[in-house]
Amino acid sequence: HNLKRAIESFQIAIDLNPQSTSAHVNLGRTYSSLRNLDGALDQYFMAIKIEPELGAAHYNIACIYSLRKQKGLAIEWLKKAVGSDKKFARMARVDKDFLNISNSLEFQRTVQLDN
């Protein structure tokens, strides 16, 4: 199975270089694909410990909290992602992971590109 092979590869990459934020984020994305949201969150938080302003990790954390219907946490992390790079606002506007919260005023304010 390709996702299991991907997990093994990312874990090897992390073993070789524990400071690799891209390996942590990619392992987190793979876990998300398998709906292992706790495992994904663990990886994103590890990446943030290494690089606190890592927008990709912030964005993916926001996605997970939205999927879990935890709007406040989703908005909080999405604001951090957008603060690091406006591209995350554009991405969030079309990302199905945010369907749970996309109609909320807080979400709309967060993804406005003129703020």
Protein backbone atom coordinates (compact mmCIF):
# COMPACT_ATOMS: atom_id res chain seq x y z
CA HIS A 1 0.00 0.00 0.00
CA ASN A 2 1.44 3.35 -1.07
CA LEU A 3 0.47 5.31 2.04
CA LYS A 4 2.09 2.75 4.32
CA ARG A 5 5.26 3.00 2.23
CA ALA A 6 5.08 6.80 2.46
CA ILE A 7 4.79 6.60 6.26
CA GLU A 8 7.83 4.35 6.41
CA SER A 9 9.81 6.69 4.15
CA PHE A 10 8.93 9.80 6.15
CA GLN A 11 9.75 8.02 9.41
CA ILE A 12 13.16 7.06 8.01
CA ALA A 13 13.71 10.68 6.94
CA ILE A 14 12.82 11.85 10.46
CA ASP A 15 15.14 9.23 11.98
CA LEU A 16 17.95 10.53 9.78
CA ASN A 17 17.11 14.19 10.37
CA PRO A 18 14.73 14.81 13.30
CA GLN A 19 14.82 18.56 12.52
CA SER A 20 13.27 18.08 9.06
CA THR A 21 10.05 20.08 9.18
CA SER A 22 9.09 18.92 5.69
CA ALA A 23 9.31 15.27 6.75
CA HIS A 24 7.12 15.96 9.81
CA VAL A 25 4.56 17.90 7.74
CA ASN A 26 4.48 15.26 5.00
CA LEU A 27 4.10 12.47 7.56
CA GLY A 28 1.27 14.48 9.11
CA ARG A 29 -0.42 14.84 5.72
CA THR A 30 -0.10 11.11 5.15
CA TYR A 31 -1.66 10.40 8.53
CA SER A 32 -4.47 12.84 7.67
CA SER A 33 -5.12 10.95 4.44
CA LEU A 34 -5.56 7.83 6.55
CA ARG A 35 -7.81 9.77 8.94
CA ASN A 36 -5.29 9.34 11.76
CA LEU A 37 -5.88 12.92 12.89
CA ASP A 38 -4.16 12.51 16.26
CA GLY A 39 -1.02 11.21 14.57
CA ALA A 40 -1.19 14.07 12.08
CA LEU A 41 -1.53 16.67 14.84
CA ASP A 42 1.47 15.19 16.64
CA GLN A 43 3.61 15.60 13.53
CA TYR A 44 2.44 19.17 12.85
CA PHE A 45 3.17 20.17 16.44
CA MET A 46 6.64 18.61 16.18
CA ALA A 47 7.27 20.68 13.05
CA ILE A 48 6.17 23.85 14.88
CA LYS A 49 8.56 23.08 17.75
CA ILE A 50 11.35 23.12 15.17
CA GLU A 51 10.06 26.09 13.15
CA PRO A 52 7.45 28.08 15.13
CA GLU A 53 6.28 30.19 12.16
CA LEU A 54 5.74 27.25 9.78
CA GLY A 55 2.54 28.23 7.99
CA ALA A 56 1.95 24.83 6.40
CA ALA A 57 1.81 23.20 9.82
CA HIS A 58 -0.51 25.92 11.16
CA TYR A 59 -2.78 25.50 8.15
CA ASN A 60 -3.00 21.73 8.48
CA ILE A 61 -3.73 22.00 12.20
CA ALA A 62 -6.58 24.38 11.32
CA CYS A 63 -7.92 21.83 8.84
CA ILE A 64 -7.99 19.11 11.47
CA TYR A 65 -9.76 21.27 14.02
CA SER A 66 -12.33 22.24 11.41
CA LEU A 67 -12.91 18.58 10.55
CA ARG A 68 -13.44 17.97 14.26
CA LYS A 69 -15.95 20.83 14.36
CA GLN A 70 -13.74 22.81 16.77
CA LYS A 71 -14.35 26.18 15.13
CA GLY A 72 -12.51 28.35 17.64
CA LEU A 73 -9.31 26.33 17.39
CA ALA A 74 -9.62 26.07 13.62
CA ILE A 75 -9.92 29.86 13.27
CA GLU A 76 -7.05 30.46 15.72
CA TRP A 77 -4.66 28.23 13.75
CA LEU A 78 -5.89 29.49 10.38
CA LYS A 79 -5.14 33.07 11.48
CA LYS A 80 -1.57 31.98 12.29
CA ALA A 81 -1.22 30.37 8.87
CA VAL A 82 -2.60 33.40 7.03
CA GLY A 83 -0.35 35.65 9.12
CA SER A 84 2.67 33.73 7.86
CA ASP A 85 1.56 33.77 4.21
CA LYS A 86 -1.56 35.14 2.53
CA LYS A 87 -1.64 32.13 0.18
CA PHE A 88 -3.25 30.17 3.01
CA ALA A 89 -6.27 32.51 2.87
CA ARG A 90 -6.76 31.67 -0.81
CA MET A 91 -6.31 27.97 -0.12
CA ALA A 92 -8.78 27.95 2.78
CA ARG A 93 -11.48 29.59 0.68
CA VAL A 94 -11.71 26.47 -1.51
CA ASP A 95 -10.56 23.75 0.91
CA LYS A 96 -13.33 21.27 1.70
CA ASP A 97 -11.83 20.69 5.14
CA PHE A 98 -13.26 24.09 6.10
CA LEU A 99 -16.85 23.39 4.98
CA ASN A 100 -17.85 23.09 8.65
CA ILE A 101 -16.89 26.69 9.36
CA SER A 102 -16.80 28.44 5.98
CA ASN A 103 -20.09 30.26 6.51
CA SER A 104 -19.01 31.79 9.80
CA LEU A 105 -18.17 35.49 9.94
CA GLU A 106 -14.86 34.74 11.70
CA PHE A 107 -13.78 32.44 8.87
CA GLN A 108 -14.81 34.98 6.22
CA ARG A 109 -12.83 37.71 7.99
CA THR A 110 -9.78 35.47 8.31
CA VAL A 111 -9.66 34.57 4.62
CA GLN A 112 -10.23 38.10 3.29
CA LEU A 113 -7.21 39.01 1.24
CA ASP A 114 -7.34 42.72 2.01
CA ASN A 115 -6.62 42.46 5.76
